[in-house]
Full PDB file with SEQRES, HELIX, SHEET, SSBOND, CRYST1, ORIGX, SCALE, CONECT and MASTER records, all heavy atoms in Angstrom:
SEQRES   1 A   43  ARG ARG GLU ILE ARG ARG LEU ALA ARG ALA ALA GLY VAL          
SEQRES   2 A   43  GLY ASN ARG VAL HIS PHE VAL ARG GLY GLY LYS LEU ALA          
SEQRES   3 A   43  GLN LEU LEU ALA ASP THR ARG THR ALA VAL THR VAL ASN          
SEQRES   4 A   43  SER THR ALA ALA                                              
HELIX    1 AA1 ARG A    2  ALA A   10  1                                   9    
HELIX    2 AA2 GLY A   14  ARG A   16  5                                   3    
HELIX    3 AA3 ALA A   26  LEU A   29  1                                   4    
CRYST1    1.000    1.000    1.000  90.00  90.00  90.00 P 1           1          
ORIGX1      1.000000  0.000000  0.000000        0.00000                         
ORIGX2      0.000000  1.000000  0.000000        0.00000                         
ORIGX3      0.000000  0.000000  1.000000        0.00000                         
SCALE1      1.000000  0.000000  0.000000        0.00000                         
SCALE2      0.000000  1.000000  0.000000        0.00000                         
SCALE3      0.000000  0.000000  1.000000        0.00000                         
ATOM      1  N   ARG A   1       0.835  -1.226   0.110  1.00  0.00           N  
ATOM      2  CA  ARG A   1       0.087  -0.009  -0.060  1.00  0.00           C  
ATOM      3  C   ARG A   1       0.917   1.236   0.013  1.00  0.00           C  
ATOM      4  O   ARG A   1       0.511   2.223  -0.813  1.00  0.00           O  
ATOM      5  CB  ARG A   1      -0.896  -0.032   1.150  1.00  0.00           C  
ATOM      6  CG  ARG A   1      -1.638   1.305   1.350  1.00  0.00           C  
ATOM      7  CD  ARG A   1      -2.598   1.324   2.667  1.00  0.00           C  
ATOM      8  NE  ARG A   1      -3.783   0.631   2.324  1.00  0.00           N  
ATOM      9  CZ  ARG A   1      -4.764   0.272   3.229  1.00  0.00           C  
ATOM     10  NH1 ARG A   1      -4.563   0.611   4.419  1.00  0.00           N  
ATOM     11  NH2 ARG A   1      -5.774  -0.248   2.854  1.00  0.00           N  
ATOM     12  N   ARG A   2       1.926   1.323   0.739  1.00  0.00           N  
ATOM     13  CA  ARG A   2       2.745   2.487   0.854  1.00  0.00           C  
ATOM     14  C   ARG A   2       3.377   2.798  -0.455  1.00  0.00           C  
ATOM     15  O   ARG A   2       3.573   3.847  -0.947  1.00  0.00           O  
ATOM     16  CB  ARG A   2       3.827   2.208   1.957  1.00  0.00           C  
ATOM     17  CG  ARG A   2       4.691   3.482   2.320  1.00  0.00           C  
ATOM     18  CD  ARG A   2       5.670   3.183   3.422  1.00  0.00           C  
ATOM     19  NE  ARG A   2       6.694   2.245   3.019  1.00  0.00           N  
ATOM     20  CZ  ARG A   2       7.400   1.522   3.862  1.00  0.00           C  
ATOM     21  NH1 ARG A   2       7.233   1.678   5.231  1.00  0.00           N  
ATOM     22  NH2 ARG A   2       8.335   0.686   3.464  1.00  0.00           N  
ATOM     23  N   GLU A   3       3.969   1.546  -1.168  1.00  0.00           N  
ATOM     24  CA  GLU A   3       4.598   1.758  -2.393  1.00  0.00           C  
ATOM     25  C   GLU A   3       3.632   2.294  -3.388  1.00  0.00           C  
ATOM     26  O   GLU A   3       3.998   3.107  -4.278  1.00  0.00           O  
ATOM     27  CB  GLU A   3       5.255   0.453  -2.821  1.00  0.00           C  
ATOM     28  CG  GLU A   3       6.405   0.038  -1.998  1.00  0.00           C  
ATOM     29  CD  GLU A   3       7.610   0.990  -2.197  1.00  0.00           C  
ATOM     30  OE1 GLU A   3       8.189   0.793  -3.158  1.00  0.00           O  
ATOM     31  OE2 GLU A   3       7.698   1.917  -1.482  1.00  0.00           O  
ATOM     32  N   ILE A   4       2.373   1.868  -3.448  1.00  0.00           N  
ATOM     33  CA  ILE A   4       1.449   2.201  -4.412  1.00  0.00           C  
ATOM     34  C   ILE A   4       1.242   3.779  -4.283  1.00  0.00           C  
ATOM     35  O   ILE A   4       1.168   4.548  -5.234  1.00  0.00           O  
ATOM     36  CB  ILE A   4       0.103   1.498  -4.240  1.00  0.00           C  
ATOM     37  CG1 ILE A   4       0.276   0.015  -4.740  1.00  0.00           C  
ATOM     38  CG2 ILE A   4      -1.078   2.197  -5.002  1.00  0.00           C  
ATOM     39  CD1 ILE A   4      -0.929  -0.883  -4.359  1.00  0.00           C  
ATOM     40  N   ARG A   5       1.093   4.319  -3.030  1.00  0.00           N  
ATOM     41  CA  ARG A   5       0.805   5.667  -2.694  1.00  0.00           C  
ATOM     42  C   ARG A   5       2.040   6.520  -3.191  1.00  0.00           C  
ATOM     43  O   ARG A   5       1.868   7.563  -3.854  1.00  0.00           O  
ATOM     44  CB  ARG A   5       0.534   5.917  -1.219  1.00  0.00           C  
ATOM     45  CG  ARG A   5      -0.756   5.417  -0.827  1.00  0.00           C  
ATOM     46  CD  ARG A   5      -0.816   5.645   0.793  1.00  0.00           C  
ATOM     47  NE  ARG A   5      -2.180   5.199   1.316  1.00  0.00           N  
ATOM     48  CZ  ARG A   5      -2.387   5.102   2.590  1.00  0.00           C  
ATOM     49  NH1 ARG A   5      -1.488   5.230   3.444  1.00  0.00           N  
ATOM     50  NH2 ARG A   5      -3.638   4.729   2.969  1.00  0.00           N  
ATOM     51  N   ARG A   6       3.204   6.044  -2.975  1.00  0.00           N  
ATOM     52  CA  ARG A   6       4.437   6.811  -3.297  1.00  0.00           C  
ATOM     53  C   ARG A   6       4.538   6.819  -4.921  1.00  0.00           C  
ATOM     54  O   ARG A   6       4.774   7.970  -5.452  1.00  0.00           O  
ATOM     55  CB  ARG A   6       5.665   5.966  -2.729  1.00  0.00           C  
ATOM     56  CG  ARG A   6       6.956   6.710  -3.063  1.00  0.00           C  
ATOM     57  CD  ARG A   6       8.125   5.984  -2.608  1.00  0.00           C  
ATOM     58  NE  ARG A   6       8.349   4.631  -3.104  1.00  0.00           N  
ATOM     59  CZ  ARG A   6       8.968   4.347  -4.258  1.00  0.00           C  
ATOM     60  NH1 ARG A   6       9.440   5.427  -4.984  1.00  0.00           N  
ATOM     61  NH2 ARG A   6       9.083   3.176  -4.710  1.00  0.00           N  
ATOM     62  N   LEU A   7       4.379   5.763  -5.555  1.00  0.00           N  
ATOM     63  CA  LEU A   7       4.438   5.668  -7.068  1.00  0.00           C  
ATOM     64  C   LEU A   7       3.437   6.448  -7.719  1.00  0.00           C  
ATOM     65  O   LEU A   7       3.554   7.168  -8.740  1.00  0.00           O  
ATOM     66  CB  LEU A   7       4.501   4.161  -7.564  1.00  0.00           C  
ATOM     67  CG  LEU A   7       5.815   3.470  -6.977  1.00  0.00           C  
ATOM     68  CD1 LEU A   7       5.506   1.998  -7.246  1.00  0.00           C  
ATOM     69  CD2 LEU A   7       7.007   3.930  -7.766  1.00  0.00           C  
ATOM     70  N   ALA A   8       2.150   6.324  -7.176  1.00  0.00           N  
ATOM     71  CA  ALA A   8       1.013   7.169  -7.763  1.00  0.00           C  
ATOM     72  C   ALA A   8       1.220   8.607  -7.724  1.00  0.00           C  
ATOM     73  O   ALA A   8       0.988   9.326  -8.621  1.00  0.00           O  
ATOM     74  CB  ALA A   8      -0.228   6.680  -7.084  1.00  0.00           C  
ATOM     75  N   ARG A   9       1.703   9.103  -6.452  1.00  0.00           N  
ATOM     76  CA  ARG A   9       1.964  10.524  -6.358  1.00  0.00           C  
ATOM     77  C   ARG A   9       3.129  10.989  -7.259  1.00  0.00           C  
ATOM     78  O   ARG A   9       3.066  12.030  -7.939  1.00  0.00           O  
ATOM     79  CB  ARG A   9       2.393  10.825  -4.911  1.00  0.00           C  
ATOM     80  CG  ARG A   9       1.307  10.896  -3.918  1.00  0.00           C  
ATOM     81  CD  ARG A   9       1.708  11.461  -2.599  1.00  0.00           C  
ATOM     82  NE  ARG A   9       2.854  10.828  -1.928  1.00  0.00           N  
ATOM     83  CZ  ARG A   9       2.756   9.889  -1.056  1.00  0.00           C  
ATOM     84  NH1 ARG A   9       1.427   9.522  -0.624  1.00  0.00           N  
ATOM     85  NH2 ARG A   9       3.772   9.364  -0.449  1.00  0.00           N  
ATOM     86  N   ALA A  10       4.158  10.168  -7.463  1.00  0.00           N  
ATOM     87  CA  ALA A  10       5.230  10.494  -8.337  1.00  0.00           C  
ATOM     88  C   ALA A  10       4.783  10.504  -9.779  1.00  0.00           C  
ATOM     89  O   ALA A  10       5.359  11.391 -10.492  1.00  0.00           O  
ATOM     90  CB  ALA A  10       6.357   9.514  -8.243  1.00  0.00           C  
ATOM     91  N   ALA A  11       3.862   9.747 -10.149  1.00  0.00           N  
ATOM     92  CA  ALA A  11       3.295   9.733 -11.550  1.00  0.00           C  
ATOM     93  C   ALA A  11       2.206  10.788 -11.780  1.00  0.00           C  
ATOM     94  O   ALA A  11       1.658  10.932 -12.891  1.00  0.00           O  
ATOM     95  CB  ALA A  11       2.834   8.304 -11.876  1.00  0.00           C  
ATOM     96  N   GLY A  12       1.790  11.521 -10.793  1.00  0.00           N  
ATOM     97  CA  GLY A  12       0.831  12.494 -10.822  1.00  0.00           C  
ATOM     98  C   GLY A  12      -0.600  12.031 -10.949  1.00  0.00           C  
ATOM     99  O   GLY A  12      -1.499  12.681 -11.339  1.00  0.00           O  
ATOM    100  N   VAL A  13      -0.866  10.776 -10.334  1.00  0.00           N  
ATOM    101  CA  VAL A  13      -2.211  10.181 -10.414  1.00  0.00           C  
ATOM    102  C   VAL A  13      -2.590   9.665  -8.989  1.00  0.00           C  
ATOM    103  O   VAL A  13      -3.423   8.744  -8.894  1.00  0.00           O  
ATOM    104  CB  VAL A  13      -2.275   9.005 -11.438  1.00  0.00           C  
ATOM    105  CG1 VAL A  13      -2.121   9.423 -12.844  1.00  0.00           C  
ATOM    106  CG2 VAL A  13      -1.179   7.925 -11.067  1.00  0.00           C  
ATOM    107  N   GLY A  14      -2.061  10.387  -7.981  1.00  0.00           N  
ATOM    108  CA  GLY A  14      -2.447   9.946  -6.645  1.00  0.00           C  
ATOM    109  C   GLY A  14      -3.894   9.845  -6.171  1.00  0.00           C  
ATOM    110  O   GLY A  14      -4.304   9.029  -5.481  1.00  0.00           O  
ATOM    111  N   ASN A  15      -4.642  10.820  -6.864  1.00  0.00           N  
ATOM    112  CA  ASN A  15      -6.003  10.896  -6.538  1.00  0.00           C  
ATOM    113  C   ASN A  15      -6.915   9.845  -7.336  1.00  0.00           C  
ATOM    114  O   ASN A  15      -8.140   9.862  -7.193  1.00  0.00           O  
ATOM    115  CB  ASN A  15      -6.602  12.201  -6.765  1.00  0.00           C  
ATOM    116  CG  ASN A  15      -6.438  12.761  -8.091  1.00  0.00           C  
ATOM    117  OD1 ASN A  15      -5.567  12.301  -8.960  1.00  0.00           O  
ATOM    118  ND2 ASN A  15      -7.334  13.751  -8.541  1.00  0.00           N  
ATOM    119  N   ARG A  16      -6.254   9.098  -8.201  1.00  0.00           N  
ATOM    120  CA  ARG A  16      -6.962   8.191  -9.134  1.00  0.00           C  
ATOM    121  C   ARG A  16      -6.492   6.756  -8.923  1.00  0.00           C  
ATOM    122  O   ARG A  16      -6.914   5.838  -9.655  1.00  0.00           O  
ATOM    123  CB  ARG A  16      -6.812   8.506 -10.671  1.00  0.00           C  
ATOM    124  CG  ARG A  16      -7.303   9.900 -10.934  1.00  0.00           C  
ATOM    125  CD  ARG A  16      -6.728  10.466 -12.289  1.00  0.00           C  
ATOM    126  NE  ARG A  16      -6.855   9.501 -13.409  1.00  0.00           N  
ATOM    127  CZ  ARG A  16      -6.087   9.437 -14.423  1.00  0.00           C  
ATOM    128  NH1 ARG A  16      -5.057  10.380 -14.577  1.00  0.00           N  
ATOM    129  NH2 ARG A  16      -6.274   8.564 -15.346  1.00  0.00           N  
ATOM    130  N   VAL A  17      -5.771   6.388  -7.908  1.00  0.00           N  
ATOM    131  CA  VAL A  17      -5.304   5.164  -7.653  1.00  0.00           C  
ATOM    132  C   VAL A  17      -5.810   4.631  -6.190  1.00  0.00           C  
ATOM    133  O   VAL A  17      -5.733   5.368  -5.242  1.00  0.00           O  
ATOM    134  CB  VAL A  17      -3.724   5.050  -7.693  1.00  0.00           C  
ATOM    135  CG1 VAL A  17      -3.244   3.646  -7.292  1.00  0.00           C  
ATOM    136  CG2 VAL A  17      -3.307   5.335  -9.160  1.00  0.00           C  
ATOM    137  N   HIS A  18      -6.253   3.350  -6.219  1.00  0.00           N  
ATOM    138  CA  HIS A  18      -6.910   2.901  -4.997  1.00  0.00           C  
ATOM    139  C   HIS A  18      -6.267   1.481  -4.568  1.00  0.00           C  
ATOM    140  O   HIS A  18      -5.632   0.759  -5.427  1.00  0.00           O  
ATOM    141  CB  HIS A  18      -8.384   2.785  -5.163  1.00  0.00           C  
ATOM    142  CG  HIS A  18      -9.126   3.833  -5.737  1.00  0.00           C  
ATOM    143  ND1 HIS A  18      -9.699   4.851  -4.917  1.00  0.00           N  
ATOM    144  CD2 HIS A  18      -9.283   4.402  -7.056  1.00  0.00           C  
ATOM    145  CE1 HIS A  18     -10.174   5.783  -5.719  1.00  0.00           C  
ATOM    146  NE2 HIS A  18      -9.933   5.488  -6.950  1.00  0.00           N  
ATOM    147  N   PHE A  19      -6.421   1.185  -3.446  1.00  0.00           N  
ATOM    148  CA  PHE A  19      -5.844  -0.115  -2.922  1.00  0.00           C  
ATOM    149  C   PHE A  19      -7.063  -0.911  -2.039  1.00  0.00           C  
ATOM    150  O   PHE A  19      -7.746  -0.291  -1.232  1.00  0.00           O  
ATOM    151  CB  PHE A  19      -4.723   0.048  -1.899  1.00  0.00           C  
ATOM    152  CG  PHE A  19      -4.169  -1.210  -1.321  1.00  0.00           C  
ATOM    153  CD1 PHE A  19      -3.346  -2.128  -1.980  1.00  0.00           C  
ATOM    154  CD2 PHE A  19      -4.605  -1.558  -0.029  1.00  0.00           C  
ATOM    155  CE1 PHE A  19      -2.911  -3.321  -1.460  1.00  0.00           C  
ATOM    156  CE2 PHE A  19      -4.092  -2.742   0.642  1.00  0.00           C  
ATOM    157  CZ  PHE A  19      -3.258  -3.546  -0.075  1.00  0.00           C  
ATOM    158  N   VAL A  20      -7.224  -2.115  -2.397  1.00  0.00           N  
ATOM    159  CA  VAL A  20      -8.200  -2.973  -1.710  1.00  0.00           C  
ATOM    160  C   VAL A  20      -7.557  -4.192  -1.193  1.00  0.00           C  
ATOM    161  O   VAL A  20      -6.818  -4.939  -1.905  1.00  0.00           O  
ATOM    162  CB  VAL A  20      -9.397  -3.376  -2.634  1.00  0.00           C  
ATOM    163  CG1 VAL A  20     -10.422  -4.347  -1.901  1.00  0.00           C  
ATOM    164  CG2 VAL A  20     -10.141  -2.197  -3.271  1.00  0.00           C  
ATOM    165  N   ARG A  21      -7.611  -4.432   0.053  1.00  0.00           N  
ATOM    166  CA  ARG A  21      -7.044  -5.512   0.825  1.00  0.00           C  
ATOM    167  C   ARG A  21      -7.717  -6.874   0.553  1.00  0.00           C  
ATOM    168  O   ARG A  21      -8.804  -7.043   1.181  1.00  0.00           O  
ATOM    169  CB  ARG A  21      -6.950  -5.241   2.273  1.00  0.00           C  
ATOM    170  CG  ARG A  21      -6.099  -6.326   3.113  1.00  0.00           C  
ATOM    171  CD  ARG A  21      -6.280  -6.023   4.593  1.00  0.00           C  
ATOM    172  NE  ARG A  21      -5.797  -4.741   5.065  1.00  0.00           N  
ATOM    173  CZ  ARG A  21      -4.545  -4.569   5.404  1.00  0.00           C  
ATOM    174  NH1 ARG A  21      -3.711  -5.422   5.284  1.00  0.00           N  
ATOM    175  NH2 ARG A  21      -4.165  -3.351   5.798  1.00  0.00           N  
ATOM    176  N   GLY A  22      -7.179  -7.669  -0.190  1.00  0.00           N  
ATOM    177  CA  GLY A  22      -7.701  -9.090  -0.406  1.00  0.00           C  
ATOM    178  C   GLY A  22      -9.129  -9.257  -0.674  1.00  0.00           C  
ATOM    179  O   GLY A  22      -9.702  -8.466  -1.336  1.00  0.00           O  
ATOM    180  N   GLY A  23      -9.817 -10.400  -0.186  1.00  0.00           N  
ATOM    181  CA  GLY A  23     -11.156 -10.646  -0.392  1.00  0.00           C  
ATOM    182  C   GLY A  23     -11.513 -11.217  -1.751  1.00  0.00           C  
ATOM    183  O   GLY A  23     -10.677 -11.577  -2.516  1.00  0.00           O  
ATOM    184  N   LYS A  24     -12.863 -11.347  -2.028  1.00  0.00           N  
ATOM    185  CA  LYS A  24     -13.325 -11.878  -3.119  1.00  0.00           C  
ATOM    186  C   LYS A  24     -13.269 -10.943  -4.308  1.00  0.00           C  
ATOM    187  O   LYS A  24     -13.324  -9.711  -4.208  1.00  0.00           O  
ATOM    188  CB  LYS A  24     -14.801 -12.305  -3.051  1.00  0.00           C  
ATOM    189  CG  LYS A  24     -15.007 -13.283  -1.799  1.00  0.00           C  
ATOM    190  CD  LYS A  24     -14.467 -14.549  -2.083  1.00  0.00           C  
ATOM    191  CE  LYS A  24     -14.834 -15.466  -0.850  1.00  0.00           C  
ATOM    192  NZ  LYS A  24     -14.288 -16.838  -0.977  1.00  0.00           N  
ATOM    193  N   LEU A  25     -13.046 -11.444  -5.541  1.00  0.00           N  
ATOM    194  CA  LEU A  25     -12.881 -10.618  -6.713  1.00  0.00           C  
ATOM    195  C   LEU A  25     -14.206 -10.133  -7.333  1.00  0.00           C  
ATOM    196  O   LEU A  25     -14.287  -9.108  -7.962  1.00  0.00           O  
ATOM    197  CB  LEU A  25     -12.065 -11.319  -7.774  1.00  0.00           C  
ATOM    198  CG  LEU A  25     -10.618 -11.105  -7.900  1.00  0.00           C  
ATOM    199  CD1 LEU A  25     -10.027 -12.004  -9.052  1.00  0.00           C  
ATOM    200  CD2 LEU A  25     -10.314  -9.726  -8.191  1.00  0.00           C  
ATOM    201  N   ALA A  26     -15.239 -10.901  -7.223  1.00  0.00           N  
ATOM    202  CA  ALA A  26     -16.470 -10.794  -7.984  1.00  0.00           C  
ATOM    203  C   ALA A  26     -16.998  -9.374  -8.013  1.00  0.00           C  
ATOM    204  O   ALA A  26     -17.366  -8.818  -9.071  1.00  0.00           O  
ATOM    205  CB  ALA A  26     -17.676 -11.748  -7.392  1.00  0.00           C  
ATOM    206  N   GLN A  27     -17.161  -8.630  -6.851  1.00  0.00           N  
ATOM    207  CA  GLN A  27     -17.641  -7.270  -6.792  1.00  0.00           C  
ATOM    208  C   GLN A  27     -16.848  -6.311  -7.612  1.00  0.00           C  
ATOM    209  O   GLN A  27     -17.397  -5.505  -8.331  1.00  0.00           O  
ATOM    210  CB  GLN A  27     -17.784  -6.733  -5.447  1.00  0.00           C  
ATOM    211  CG  GLN A  27     -18.882  -7.566  -4.568  1.00  0.00           C  
ATOM    212  CD  GLN A  27     -19.075  -6.882  -3.255  1.00  0.00           C  
ATOM    213  OE1 GLN A  27     -18.093  -6.576  -2.515  1.00  0.00           O  
ATOM    214  NE2 GLN A  27     -20.280  -6.748  -2.837  1.00  0.00           N  
ATOM    215  N   LEU A  28     -15.483  -6.408  -7.517  1.00  0.00           N  
ATOM    216  CA  LEU A  28     -14.722  -5.514  -8.378  1.00  0.00           C  
ATOM    217  C   LEU A  28     -14.641  -5.885  -9.791  1.00  0.00           C  
ATOM    218  O   LEU A  28     -14.570  -4.943 -10.702  1.00  0.00           O  
ATOM    219  CB  LEU A  28     -13.211  -5.591  -7.763  1.00  0.00           C  
ATOM    220  CG  LEU A  28     -13.070  -5.000  -6.363  1.00  0.00           C  
ATOM    221  CD1 LEU A  28     -11.656  -5.205  -5.859  1.00  0.00           C  
ATOM    222  CD2 LEU A  28     -13.301  -3.397  -6.350  1.00  0.00           C  
ATOM    223  N   LEU A  29     -14.739  -7.136 -10.164  1.00  0.00           N  
ATOM    224  CA  LEU A  29     -14.727  -7.564 -11.479  1.00  0.00           C  
ATOM    225  C   LEU A  29     -16.033  -7.106 -12.179  1.00  0.00           C  
ATOM    226  O   LEU A  29     -16.073  -6.996 -13.446  1.00  0.00           O  
ATOM    227  CB  LEU A  29     -14.554  -9.029 -11.666  1.00  0.00           C  
ATOM    228  CG  LEU A  29     -13.159  -9.557 -11.392  1.00  0.00           C  
ATOM    229  CD1 LEU A  29     -13.239 -11.192 -11.406  1.00  0.00           C  
ATOM    230  CD2 LEU A  29     -12.234  -9.129 -12.591  1.00  0.00           C  
ATOM    231  N   ALA A  30     -17.012  -6.990 -11.459  1.00  0.00           N  
ATOM    232  CA  ALA A  30     -18.385  -6.634 -12.029  1.00  0.00           C  
ATOM    233  C   ALA A  30     -18.384  -5.422 -12.880  1.00  0.00           C  
ATOM    234  O   ALA A  30     -19.083  -5.296 -13.876  1.00  0.00           O  
ATOM    235  CB  ALA A  30     -19.563  -6.602 -10.980  1.00  0.00           C  
ATOM    236  N   ASP A  31     -17.523  -4.429 -12.556  1.00  0.00           N  
ATOM    237  CA  ASP A  31     -17.537  -3.102 -13.206  1.00  0.00           C  
ATOM    238  C   ASP A  31     -16.248  -2.737 -13.767  1.00  0.00           C  
ATOM    239  O   ASP A  31     -16.172  -1.592 -14.343  1.00  0.00           O  
ATOM    240  CB  ASP A  31     -18.019  -2.055 -12.074  1.00  0.00           C  
ATOM    241  CG  ASP A  31     -19.426  -2.218 -11.662  1.00  0.00           C  
ATOM    242  OD1 ASP A  31     -20.240  -2.491 -12.393  1.00  0.00           O  
ATOM    243  OD2 ASP A  31     -19.559  -2.156 -10.429  1.00  0.00           O  
ATOM    244  N   THR A  32     -15.222  -3.554 -13.690  1.00  0.00           N  
ATOM    245  CA  THR A  32     -13.896  -3.198 -14.186  1.00  0.00           C  
ATOM    246  C   THR A  32     -13.840  -3.104 -15.682  1.00  0.00           C  
ATOM    247  O   THR A  32     -14.543  -3.952 -16.391  1.00  0.00           O  
ATOM    248  CB  THR A  32     -12.764  -4.026 -13.687  1.00  0.00           C  
ATOM    249  OG1 THR A  32     -11.454  -3.404 -13.965  1.00  0.00           O  
ATOM    250  CG2 THR A  32     -12.815  -5.408 -14.209  1.00  0.00           C  
ATOM    251  N   ARG A  33     -13.019  -2.154 -16.377  1.00  0.00           N  
ATOM    252  CA  ARG A  33     -12.919  -2.057 -17.770  1.00  0.00           C  
ATOM    253  C   ARG A  33     -11.822  -3.170 -18.237  1.00  0.00           C  
ATOM    254  O   ARG A  33     -12.008  -3.741 -19.246  1.00  0.00           O  
ATOM    255  CB  ARG A  33     -12.446  -0.690 -18.152  1.00  0.00           C  
ATOM    256  CG  ARG A  33     -13.375   0.350 -18.029  1.00  0.00           C  
ATOM    257  CD  ARG A  33     -14.538   0.207 -18.974  1.00  0.00           C  
ATOM    258  NE  ARG A  33     -15.556   1.243 -18.925  1.00  0.00           N  
ATOM    259  CZ  ARG A  33     -15.518   2.324 -19.597  1.00  0.00           C  
ATOM    260  NH1 ARG A  33     -14.503   2.539 -20.445  1.00  0.00           N  
ATOM    261  NH2 ARG A  33     -16.486   3.270 -19.513  1.00  0.00           N  
ATOM    262  N   THR A  34     -10.695  -3.304 -17.358  1.00  0.00           N  
ATOM    263  CA  THR A  34      -9.680  -4.173 -17.805  1.00  0.00           C  
ATOM    264  C   THR A  34      -9.078  -4.845 -16.552  1.00  0.00           C  
ATOM    265  O   THR A  34      -9.428  -4.465 -15.435  1.00  0.00           O  
ATOM    266  CB  THR A  34      -8.442  -3.520 -18.570  1.00  0.00           C  
ATOM    267  OG1 THR A  34      -7.793  -2.663 -17.603  1.00  0.00           O  
ATOM    268  CG2 THR A  34      -9.056  -2.698 -19.705  1.00  0.00           C  
ATOM    269  N   ALA A  35      -8.142  -5.817 -16.749  1.00  0.00           N  
ATOM    270  CA  ALA A  35      -7.467  -6.425 -15.613  1.00  0.00           C  
ATOM    271  C   ALA A  35      -6.103  -6.495 -16.035  1.00  0.00           C  
ATOM    272  O   ALA A  35      -5.714  -6.889 -17.151  1.00  0.00           O  
ATOM    273  CB  ALA A  35      -8.042  -7.811 -15.294  1.00  0.00           C  
ATOM    274  N   VAL A  36      -5.070  -6.349 -15.062  1.00  0.00           N  
ATOM    275  CA  VAL A  36      -3.612  -6.428 -15.318  1.00  0.00           C  
ATOM    276  C   VAL A  36      -3.035  -7.276 -14.379  1.00  0.00           C  
ATOM    277  O   VAL A  36      -3.421  -7.112 -13.063  1.00  0.00           O  
ATOM    278  CB  VAL A  36      -2.942  -5.033 -15.362  1.00  0.00           C  
ATOM    279  CG1 VAL A  36      -1.527  -5.229 -15.752  1.00  0.00           C  
ATOM    280  CG2 VAL A  36      -3.637  -4.193 -16.461  1.00  0.00           C  
ATOM    281  N   THR A  37      -2.096  -8.127 -14.605  1.00  0.00           N  
ATOM    282  CA  THR A  37      -1.405  -8.913 -13.540  1.00  0.00           C  
ATOM    283  C   THR A  37      -0.075  -9.410 -14.028  1.00  0.00           C  
ATOM    284  O   THR A  37       0.253  -9.280 -15.289  1.00  0.00           O  
ATOM    285  CB  THR A  37      -2.308 -10.137 -13.128  1.00  0.00           C  
ATOM    286  OG1 THR A  37      -1.677 -10.816 -12.055  1.00  0.00           O  
ATOM    287  CG2 THR A  37      -2.449 -11.107 -14.344  1.00  0.00           C  
ATOM    288  N   VAL A  38       0.732  -9.974 -13.171  1.00  0.00           N  
ATOM    289  CA  VAL A  38       1.930 -10.648 -13.580  1.00  0.00           C  
ATOM    290  C   VAL A  38       1.594 -11.956 -14.201  1.00  0.00           C  
ATOM    291  O   VAL A  38       1.622 -12.137 -15.418  1.00  0.00           O  
ATOM    292  CB  VAL A  38       2.959 -10.815 -12.570  1.00  0.00           C  
ATOM    293  CG1 VAL A  38       4.189 -11.577 -12.952  1.00  0.00           C  
ATOM    294  CG2 VAL A  38       3.373  -9.461 -12.009  1.00  0.00           C  
ATOM    295  N   ASN A  39       1.110 -12.853 -13.355  1.00  0.00           N  
ATOM    296  CA  ASN A  39       0.589 -14.196 -13.855  1.00  0.00           C  
ATOM    297  C   ASN A  39      -0.400 -14.866 -12.890  1.00  0.00           C  
ATOM    298  O   ASN A  39      -0.407 -16.129 -12.735  1.00  0.00           O  
ATOM    299  CB  ASN A  39       1.849 -15.196 -14.148  1.00  0.00           C  
ATOM    300  CG  ASN A  39       2.815 -15.382 -12.986  1.00  0.00           C  
ATOM    301  OD1 ASN A  39       2.598 -14.884 -11.868  1.00  0.00           O  
ATOM    302  ND2 ASN A  39       3.973 -15.898 -13.310  1.00  0.00           N  
ATOM    303  N   SER A  40      -1.055 -13.966 -12.143  1.00  0.00           N  
ATOM    304  CA  SER A  40      -2.096 -14.503 -11.107  1.00  0.00           C  
ATOM    305  C   SER A  40      -3.072 -15.443 -11.730  1.00  0.00           C  
ATOM    306  O   SER A  40      -3.598 -15.103 -12.763  1.00  0.00           O  
ATOM    307  CB  SER A  40      -2.695 -13.345 -10.383  1.00  0.00           C  
ATOM    308  OG  SER A  40      -3.739 -13.858  -9.566  1.00  0.00           O  
ATOM    309  N   THR A  41      -3.304 -16.468 -11.045  1.00  0.00           N  
ATOM    310  CA  THR A  41      -4.481 -17.387 -11.479  1.00  0.00           C  
ATOM    311  C   THR A  41      -5.831 -16.661 -11.413  1.00  0.00           C  
ATOM    312  O   THR A  41      -6.702 -17.121 -12.043  1.00  0.00           O  
ATOM    313  CB  THR A  41      -4.543 -18.727 -10.686  1.00  0.00           C  
ATOM    314  OG1 THR A  41      -4.581 -18.386  -9.274  1.00  0.00           O  
ATOM    315  CG2 THR A  41      -3.248 -19.467 -10.886  1.00  0.00           C  
ATOM    316  N   ALA A  42      -5.865 -15.626 -10.549  1.00  0.00           N  
ATOM    317  CA  ALA A  42      -7.146 -14.972 -10.445  1.00  0.00           C  
ATOM    318  C   ALA A  42      -7.590 -14.305 -11.751  1.00  0.00           C  
ATOM    319  O   ALA A  42      -8.782 -13.942 -11.952  1.00  0.00           O  
ATOM    320  CB  ALA A  42      -7.064 -13.872  -9.314  1.00  0.00           C  
ATOM    321  N   ALA A  43      -6.567 -14.137 -12.632  1.00  0.00           N  
ATOM    322  CA  ALA A  43      -6.888 -13.467 -13.905  1.00  0.00           C  
ATOM    323  C   ALA A  43      -7.881 -14.333 -14.712  1.00  0.00           C  
ATOM    324  O   ALA A  43      -8.574 -13.806 -15.610  1.00  0.00           O  
ATOM    325  CB  ALA A  43      -5.614 -13.322 -14.725  1.00  0.00           C  
TER     326      ALA A  43                                                      
MASTER        0    0    0    3    0    0    0    6  325    1    0    4          
END                                                                             
């Protein structure tokens, strides 16, 4: 979370970046435009 905040501020998008701690994917997937990952099976 700390790294996300730092990097988002540095890129000028601090007010457009959010963090969610774990949990189920379904609610967030319902409205997302895209998904990005390294190689997570959740993809």
